[in-house]
Amino acid sequence: MISAQAWADARRLWGYHQMAHAARPCSVAIGLGSHDLGVADTAVSLYERGMVPLLVFTGANSPTTRESMPRGEAVHYRERALELGIPSSAVLVEPQARNTGENICFSRTLLEESGVDVSSVLLISKPYEERRAYATARKLWPEVEFVSASTPMTFEVYIDSIGDPRLVIDMLVGALQRLLIYPDQGFMIRLTVPDDVMEAYDRLRGDGFTSRVVPADAAARS
């Protein structure tokens, strides 16, 4: 049973993880690989709205996508975009990245090798990964302006789409922990975390929502 306080704390983390950036025209959109085909759908929507002339999908596989996306996350994203009517000439695929840092670095290399001049990027992720993706991208590609985007949805709708409330709360907690510890490891810039968000995070960790938390010894070695 998830308490009313835990639900309230989870909604607070959900809201914090989203950057609330307004979409605007950029040089390219980069869709970060995951289990969520909604990233590809959102990229397609932004392309159709004239926000970008080019899509890059990046991602290999993870334990959670090996069966559902056997050809790799980026490849499945591309296939989804083509099904929705995007011309193949408007889609690049980076199929090797296995974490957010590699997503950014490998996409940057692909765009440079393709001769694409990039001054701004629409960075598309799962809703609760917006802030983490933004902080990572700003660290690894500081000369480019990043605008965060994800599929617009409420916390409740996302819970329903996953079907496992406890897992979603665990993911929210894990994403915030990385925002706290990864700047010291050089993986991302440091972003301010409001006191009320930290209090919610501490309560959720205390309540055992920790399956996606990086162990202390692993964090120290990262």
Protein backbone atom coordinates (compact mmCIF):
# COMPACT_ATOMS: atom_id res chain seq x y z
CA MET A 1 0.00 0.00 0.00
CA ILE A 2 1.34 3.42 -0.98
CA SER A 3 0.47 6.11 1.54
CA ALA A 4 -1.16 9.43 0.70
CA GLN A 5 2.07 11.17 1.76
CA ALA A 6 4.12 9.01 -0.61
CA TRP A 7 1.78 9.80 -3.49
CA ALA A 8 2.09 13.52 -2.74
CA ASP A 9 5.87 13.27 -2.52
CA ALA A 10 6.04 11.34 -5.79
CA ARG A 11 3.96 14.00 -7.57
CA ARG A 12 6.34 16.64 -6.26
CA LEU A 13 9.34 14.77 -7.72
CA TRP A 14 7.45 14.23 -10.99
CA GLY A 15 6.89 17.97 -11.33
CA TYR A 16 10.49 18.81 -10.49
CA HIS A 17 11.94 16.38 -13.03
CA GLN A 18 10.19 18.24 -15.86
CA MET A 19 11.83 21.42 -17.08
CA ALA A 20 8.68 23.12 -18.42
CA HIS A 21 10.55 24.43 -21.44
CA ALA A 22 8.47 25.84 -24.29
CA ALA A 23 9.25 24.05 -27.55
CA ARG A 24 10.88 26.29 -30.14
CA PRO A 25 12.69 25.78 -33.46
CA CYS A 26 16.11 24.15 -33.03
CA SER A 27 18.85 22.77 -35.26
CA VAL A 28 17.98 19.16 -34.50
CA ALA A 29 15.99 16.94 -32.14
CA ILE A 30 17.73 14.16 -30.25
CA GLY A 31 15.49 11.38 -28.94
CA LEU A 32 17.06 9.46 -26.06
CA GLY A 33 16.57 5.71 -26.23
CA SER A 34 14.47 3.88 -23.65
CA HIS A 35 11.54 1.47 -23.43
CA ASP A 36 9.17 4.34 -24.23
CA LEU A 37 8.15 4.73 -27.89
CA GLY A 38 6.46 7.95 -26.83
CA VAL A 39 9.88 9.58 -27.24
CA ALA A 40 9.73 8.78 -30.96
CA ASP A 41 6.13 9.96 -31.20
CA THR A 42 7.02 13.27 -29.58
CA ALA A 43 9.99 13.70 -31.93
CA VAL A 44 7.68 13.13 -34.88
CA SER A 45 5.19 15.68 -33.55
CA LEU A 46 7.91 18.30 -33.15
CA TYR A 47 9.18 17.62 -36.67
CA GLU A 48 5.67 17.95 -38.10
CA ARG A 49 5.23 21.25 -36.26
CA GLY A 50 8.33 22.58 -38.01
CA MET A 51 10.43 22.75 -34.86
CA VAL A 52 13.34 20.78 -36.35
CA PRO A 53 14.50 19.67 -39.82
CA LEU A 54 16.25 16.54 -38.55
CA LEU A 55 15.76 13.81 -35.94
CA VAL A 56 18.51 11.81 -34.24
CA PHE A 57 17.55 8.69 -32.32
CA THR A 58 20.19 7.31 -29.98
CA GLY A 59 20.37 4.12 -27.95
CA ALA A 60 21.45 0.49 -28.00
CA ASN A 61 19.71 -1.89 -25.59
CA SER A 62 19.28 -2.27 -21.86
CA PRO A 63 17.97 -5.22 -19.82
CA THR A 64 14.49 -3.65 -20.00
CA THR A 65 14.45 -3.30 -23.81
CA ARG A 66 16.40 -6.33 -25.01
CA GLU A 67 13.25 -8.35 -25.66
CA SER A 68 10.83 -5.57 -26.62
CA MET A 69 13.31 -3.77 -28.92
CA PRO A 70 15.65 -6.51 -30.18
CA ARG A 71 17.09 -4.35 -32.98
CA GLY A 72 18.02 -1.62 -30.52
CA GLU A 73 16.15 1.35 -29.11
CA ALA A 74 17.27 3.88 -31.72
CA VAL A 75 16.44 1.53 -34.59
CA HIS A 76 12.95 0.90 -33.24
CA TYR A 77 12.47 4.65 -32.76
CA ARG A 78 13.44 5.21 -36.40
CA GLU A 79 11.04 2.52 -37.56
CA ARG A 80 8.27 4.16 -35.54
CA ALA A 81 9.03 7.57 -37.08
CA LEU A 82 8.97 6.15 -40.61
CA GLU A 83 5.65 4.42 -39.87
CA LEU A 84 4.28 7.83 -38.88
CA GLY A 85 5.35 9.36 -42.18
CA ILE A 86 8.73 10.95 -41.50
CA PRO A 87 11.05 10.71 -44.55
CA SER A 88 14.09 8.51 -44.02
CA SER A 89 16.31 11.42 -45.08
CA ALA A 90 15.20 13.31 -41.96
CA VAL A 91 16.27 10.61 -39.48
CA LEU A 92 19.74 9.67 -38.25
CA VAL A 93 20.39 6.68 -35.99
CA GLU A 94 23.07 6.31 -33.33
CA PRO A 95 22.78 2.66 -32.19
CA GLN A 96 25.64 2.26 -29.69
CA ALA A 97 24.91 4.48 -26.66
CA ARG A 98 24.15 2.68 -23.38
CA ASN A 99 23.71 5.63 -21.01
CA THR A 100 22.73 9.29 -21.14
CA GLY A 101 26.31 10.54 -21.42
CA GLU A 102 26.95 8.29 -24.40
CA ASN A 103 23.64 9.37 -25.92
CA ILE A 104 24.91 12.95 -25.97
CA CYS A 105 28.52 12.29 -26.94
CA PHE A 106 27.78 9.76 -29.66
CA SER A 107 24.98 11.90 -31.13
CA ARG A 108 27.32 14.88 -31.21
CA THR A 109 29.93 12.84 -33.08
CA LEU A 110 27.33 11.54 -35.54
CA LEU A 111 26.09 15.05 -36.30
CA GLU A 112 29.63 16.37 -36.75
CA GLU A 113 30.48 13.51 -39.10
CA SER A 114 27.26 14.17 -41.02
CA GLY A 115 28.20 17.83 -41.48
CA VAL A 116 25.23 19.15 -39.49
CA ASP A 117 25.77 22.58 -37.93
CA VAL A 118 24.21 22.49 -34.45
CA SER A 119 23.57 25.53 -32.29
CA SER A 120 20.47 24.27 -30.46
CA VAL A 121 18.91 20.89 -29.66
CA LEU A 122 15.43 19.79 -28.73
CA LEU A 123 16.32 17.06 -26.23
CA ILE A 124 13.53 14.49 -25.98
CA SER A 125 13.35 12.05 -23.09
CA LYS A 126 10.86 10.27 -20.86
CA PRO A 127 8.92 12.81 -18.77
CA TYR A 128 10.76 12.08 -15.52
CA GLU A 129 14.19 12.17 -17.23
CA GLU A 130 13.99 15.73 -18.61
CA ARG A 131 16.07 17.37 -15.92
CA ARG A 132 18.68 14.61 -15.77
CA ALA A 133 19.09 14.61 -19.55
CA TYR A 134 19.37 18.41 -19.60
CA ALA A 135 22.00 18.48 -16.85
CA THR A 136 24.04 15.81 -18.63
CA ALA A 137 23.84 17.51 -22.02
CA ARG A 138 24.84 20.90 -20.60
CA LYS A 139 27.95 19.31 -19.09
CA LEU A 140 29.04 17.39 -22.18
CA TRP A 141 28.07 19.85 -24.92
CA PRO A 142 28.17 23.26 -23.22
CA GLU A 143 28.34 25.40 -26.35
CA VAL A 144 24.91 24.23 -27.54
CA GLU A 145 21.55 25.45 -26.20
CA PHE A 146 19.25 22.64 -25.06
CA VAL A 147 15.48 22.74 -24.89
CA SER A 148 13.93 19.84 -22.97
CA ALA A 149 10.86 18.02 -24.24
CA SER A 150 8.85 14.89 -23.48
CA THR A 151 5.41 13.48 -24.12
CA PRO A 152 2.91 15.75 -22.33
CA MET A 153 1.11 13.68 -19.71
CA THR A 154 0.10 13.73 -16.09
CA PHE A 155 1.70 11.65 -13.37
CA GLU A 156 -1.44 9.51 -13.18
CA VAL A 157 -1.46 8.80 -16.91
CA TYR A 158 2.20 7.82 -16.80
CA ILE A 159 1.54 5.47 -13.87
CA ASP A 160 -1.24 3.84 -15.89
CA SER A 161 1.02 3.47 -18.94
CA ILE A 162 3.67 1.62 -16.91
CA GLY A 163 1.26 -0.34 -14.77
CA ASP A 164 3.52 -0.47 -11.71
CA PRO A 165 3.16 2.54 -9.37
CA ARG A 166 5.94 1.46 -7.04
CA LEU A 167 8.40 1.06 -9.91
CA VAL A 168 7.59 4.53 -11.22
CA ILE A 169 8.18 6.09 -7.79
CA ASP A 170 11.44 4.15 -7.53
CA MET A 171 12.48 5.63 -10.90
CA LEU A 172 11.64 9.15 -9.75
CA VAL A 173 13.77 8.67 -6.65
CA GLY A 174 16.65 7.16 -8.63
CA ALA A 175 16.62 10.00 -11.15
CA LEU A 176 16.81 12.59 -8.38
CA GLN A 177 19.63 10.76 -6.60
CA ARG A 178 21.68 10.96 -9.79
CA LEU A 179 21.07 14.71 -9.99
CA LEU A 180 22.54 14.93 -6.50
CA ILE A 181 25.61 12.68 -6.87
CA TYR A 182 26.61 12.78 -10.54
CA PRO A 183 27.80 16.42 -10.64
CA ASP A 184 30.59 15.46 -8.22
CA GLN A 185 31.57 12.66 -10.60
CA GLY A 186 31.74 15.06 -13.56
CA PHE A 187 28.76 13.53 -15.36
CA MET A 188 26.44 16.56 -15.33
CA ILE A 189 26.10 20.14 -14.21
CA ARG A 190 24.64 20.81 -10.77
CA LEU A 191 21.07 22.05 -10.66
CA THR A 192 19.32 23.55 -7.65
CA VAL A 193 17.00 21.19 -5.82
CA PRO A 194 14.35 23.04 -3.77
CA ASP A 195 13.99 22.15 -0.11
CA ASP A 196 10.48 20.73 -0.52
CA VAL A 197 11.69 18.40 -3.27
CA MET A 198 14.58 17.22 -1.09
CA GLU A 199 12.21 16.59 1.80
CA ALA A 200 9.93 14.54 -0.45
CA TYR A 201 12.92 12.60 -1.78
CA ASP A 202 14.19 11.83 1.73
CA ARG A 203 10.76 10.59 2.84
CA LEU A 204 10.41 8.34 -0.19
CA ARG A 205 13.85 6.85 0.36
CA GLY A 206 12.97 6.31 3.98
CA ASP A 207 9.80 4.52 2.87
CA GLY A 208 11.86 2.08 0.82
CA PHE A 209 11.43 3.41 -2.73
CA THR A 210 15.03 2.56 -3.52
CA SER A 211 15.22 -0.13 -6.21
CA ARG A 212 16.65 2.39 -8.71
CA VAL A 213 19.05 4.06 -6.27
CA VAL A 214 22.77 3.76 -7.00
CA PRO A 215 24.46 1.98 -4.06
CA ALA A 216 26.85 4.17 -2.10
CA ASP A 217 29.92 2.15 -3.03
CA ALA A 218 29.02 2.16 -6.73
CA ALA A 219 28.39 5.91 -6.63
CA ALA A 220 31.81 6.45 -5.09
CA ARG A 221 33.45 4.45 -7.89
CA SER A 222 31.54 6.14 -10.74
